[in-house]
Amino acid sequence: MASASGSAAFDTFEEFSDRCKQLYTESPEKTRMVVKYKHSNAAIYLRCTNDRVCLKYYSDQHVDVKKYEKLNSWIMAMMIGVPEEDVVVGSAGAAPTSAGGGGAAAKKKKGKR
C-alpha cells in the first residue's frame, strides 16, 4: 500500500486504481499517468505520479489491460470536467456510428464513365 510520500508498488489493480483516483482528486493539475507495454514479456507497466507520490503497478494479465482502459477513461473524463457522477466507463473503443452506416464499403469509386 502507498505511504504518504515516496514510491509504492501495488499487488492488485483495484488498490492501484483507487489510490490513483484519490491522487488525481487531491492534485488534478499535477497528476499524470505513464503506461508502458513490453511485448517481449507481454506485460503492462503503469505509473501514476504527482511528483511527490509515485504509484506503480505491473501485470501480465490481459484482464488488467481492460481495467486500465476503464481507469484511463475515468481520468480523461475528470480532465475535461465531466462530473464524477456522470462518468460512464464502458467498453473502450466503442465509437458512436452515424445513421447512414458509412465506412469503406459504402464509398463509391471515382473513375471514368
Protein backbone atom coordinates (compact mmCIF):
# COMPACT_ATOMS: atom_id res chain seq x y z
CA MET A 1 0.00 0.00 0.00
CA ALA A 2 1.10 3.58 -0.60
CA SER A 3 2.72 5.73 2.01
CA ALA A 4 2.14 9.46 2.44
CA SER A 5 5.08 10.24 0.18
CA GLY A 6 7.54 8.29 -1.90
CA SER A 7 7.00 5.29 -4.10
CA ALA A 8 4.64 2.34 -3.72
CA ALA A 9 4.07 -0.82 -5.75
CA PHE A 10 0.65 -2.46 -5.65
CA ASP A 11 -0.29 -6.14 -5.82
CA THR A 12 -3.86 -5.69 -7.03
CA PHE A 13 -5.20 -3.39 -9.71
CA GLU A 14 -8.16 -2.35 -7.56
CA GLU A 15 -5.84 -0.91 -4.89
CA PHE A 16 -3.79 0.84 -7.56
CA SER A 17 -6.88 2.25 -9.27
CA ASP A 18 -8.43 3.51 -6.04
CA ARG A 19 -5.20 5.21 -5.00
CA CYS A 20 -4.76 6.77 -8.48
CA LYS A 21 -8.25 8.24 -8.30
CA GLN A 22 -7.51 9.60 -4.84
CA LEU A 23 -4.20 11.07 -6.03
CA TYR A 24 -5.91 12.72 -9.01
CA THR A 25 -8.68 14.13 -6.81
CA GLU A 26 -6.11 15.63 -4.41
CA SER A 27 -4.00 17.33 -7.11
CA PRO A 28 -5.52 17.16 -10.60
CA GLU A 29 -3.16 19.76 -12.08
CA LYS A 30 -0.04 17.72 -11.27
CA THR A 31 -1.15 14.10 -11.54
CA ARG A 32 -0.20 12.13 -14.63
CA MET A 33 -0.05 8.51 -15.70
CA VAL A 34 2.60 6.69 -17.70
CA VAL A 35 1.89 3.40 -19.45
CA LYS A 36 4.49 1.06 -20.92
CA TYR A 37 3.84 -2.18 -22.71
CA LYS A 38 6.68 -4.63 -23.19
CA HIS A 39 5.97 -7.04 -26.00
CA SER A 40 8.84 -9.36 -25.03
CA ASN A 41 7.05 -10.50 -21.88
CA ALA A 42 3.53 -9.23 -22.78
CA ALA A 43 3.38 -7.07 -19.67
CA ILE A 44 1.92 -3.66 -18.89
CA TYR A 45 3.69 -1.26 -16.54
CA LEU A 46 1.63 1.56 -15.03
CA ARG A 47 2.90 4.53 -13.07
CA CYS A 48 0.82 7.35 -11.60
CA THR A 49 2.56 10.32 -10.00
CA ASN A 50 2.10 13.89 -8.82
CA ASP A 51 5.86 14.46 -8.29
CA ARG A 52 5.57 13.69 -4.57
CA VAL A 53 3.95 10.25 -4.65
CA CYS A 54 4.69 7.61 -7.28
CA LEU A 55 2.31 4.64 -7.59
CA LYS A 56 3.39 1.60 -9.62
CA TYR A 57 1.63 -1.47 -10.93
CA TYR A 58 2.83 -4.32 -13.16
CA SER A 59 0.78 -7.08 -14.76
CA ASP A 60 0.98 -9.67 -17.49
CA GLN A 61 -2.76 -10.42 -17.36
CA HIS A 62 -4.97 -9.36 -20.28
CA VAL A 63 -7.87 -8.62 -17.93
CA ASP A 64 -5.82 -5.85 -16.26
CA VAL A 65 -5.43 -4.07 -19.61
CA LYS A 66 -9.23 -3.78 -19.80
CA LYS A 67 -9.29 -2.47 -16.22
CA TYR A 68 -6.64 0.09 -17.14
CA GLU A 69 -8.81 1.27 -20.05
CA LYS A 70 -11.62 1.96 -17.57
CA LEU A 71 -9.28 3.84 -15.23
CA ASN A 72 -7.92 5.85 -18.15
CA SER A 73 -11.48 6.71 -19.27
CA TRP A 74 -12.27 7.94 -15.75
CA ILE A 75 -9.13 10.12 -15.62
CA MET A 76 -9.80 11.57 -19.09
CA ALA A 77 -13.40 12.39 -18.15
CA MET A 78 -12.20 14.15 -15.00
CA MET A 79 -9.64 16.13 -17.03
CA ILE A 80 -12.30 17.53 -19.36
CA GLY A 81 -14.61 18.42 -16.49
CA VAL A 82 -17.28 15.74 -16.60
CA PRO A 83 -18.90 15.48 -13.14
CA GLU A 84 -17.88 12.24 -11.42
CA GLU A 85 -21.47 11.01 -11.13
CA ASP A 86 -21.90 11.40 -14.92
CA VAL A 87 -18.81 9.39 -15.88
CA VAL A 88 -19.70 6.28 -17.86
CA VAL A 89 -16.90 3.76 -18.15
CA GLY A 90 -17.98 1.23 -20.70
CA SER A 91 -16.13 -0.66 -23.35
CA ALA A 92 -13.24 1.36 -24.70
CA GLY A 93 -13.07 1.88 -28.42
CA ALA A 94 -16.82 1.73 -28.97
CA ALA A 95 -17.29 4.88 -31.01
CA PRO A 96 -20.75 6.09 -31.97
CA THR A 97 -21.62 5.37 -35.57
CA SER A 98 -23.58 7.52 -37.98
CA ALA A 99 -27.12 6.58 -39.01
CA GLY A 100 -26.08 6.14 -42.64
CA GLY A 101 -23.56 3.46 -41.88
CA GLY A 102 -20.69 4.75 -43.99
CA GLY A 103 -17.34 3.05 -43.98
CA ALA A 104 -15.15 1.88 -46.84
CA ALA A 105 -17.77 -0.46 -48.31
CA ALA A 106 -20.32 2.34 -48.73
CA LYS A 107 -18.00 4.68 -50.69
CA LYS A 108 -18.37 4.85 -54.42
CA LYS A 109 -15.26 4.58 -56.56
CA LYS A 110 -14.45 7.51 -58.76
CA GLY A 111 -13.47 6.81 -62.31
CA LYS A 112 -14.28 7.32 -65.95
CA ARG A 113 -17.82 6.62 -67.06
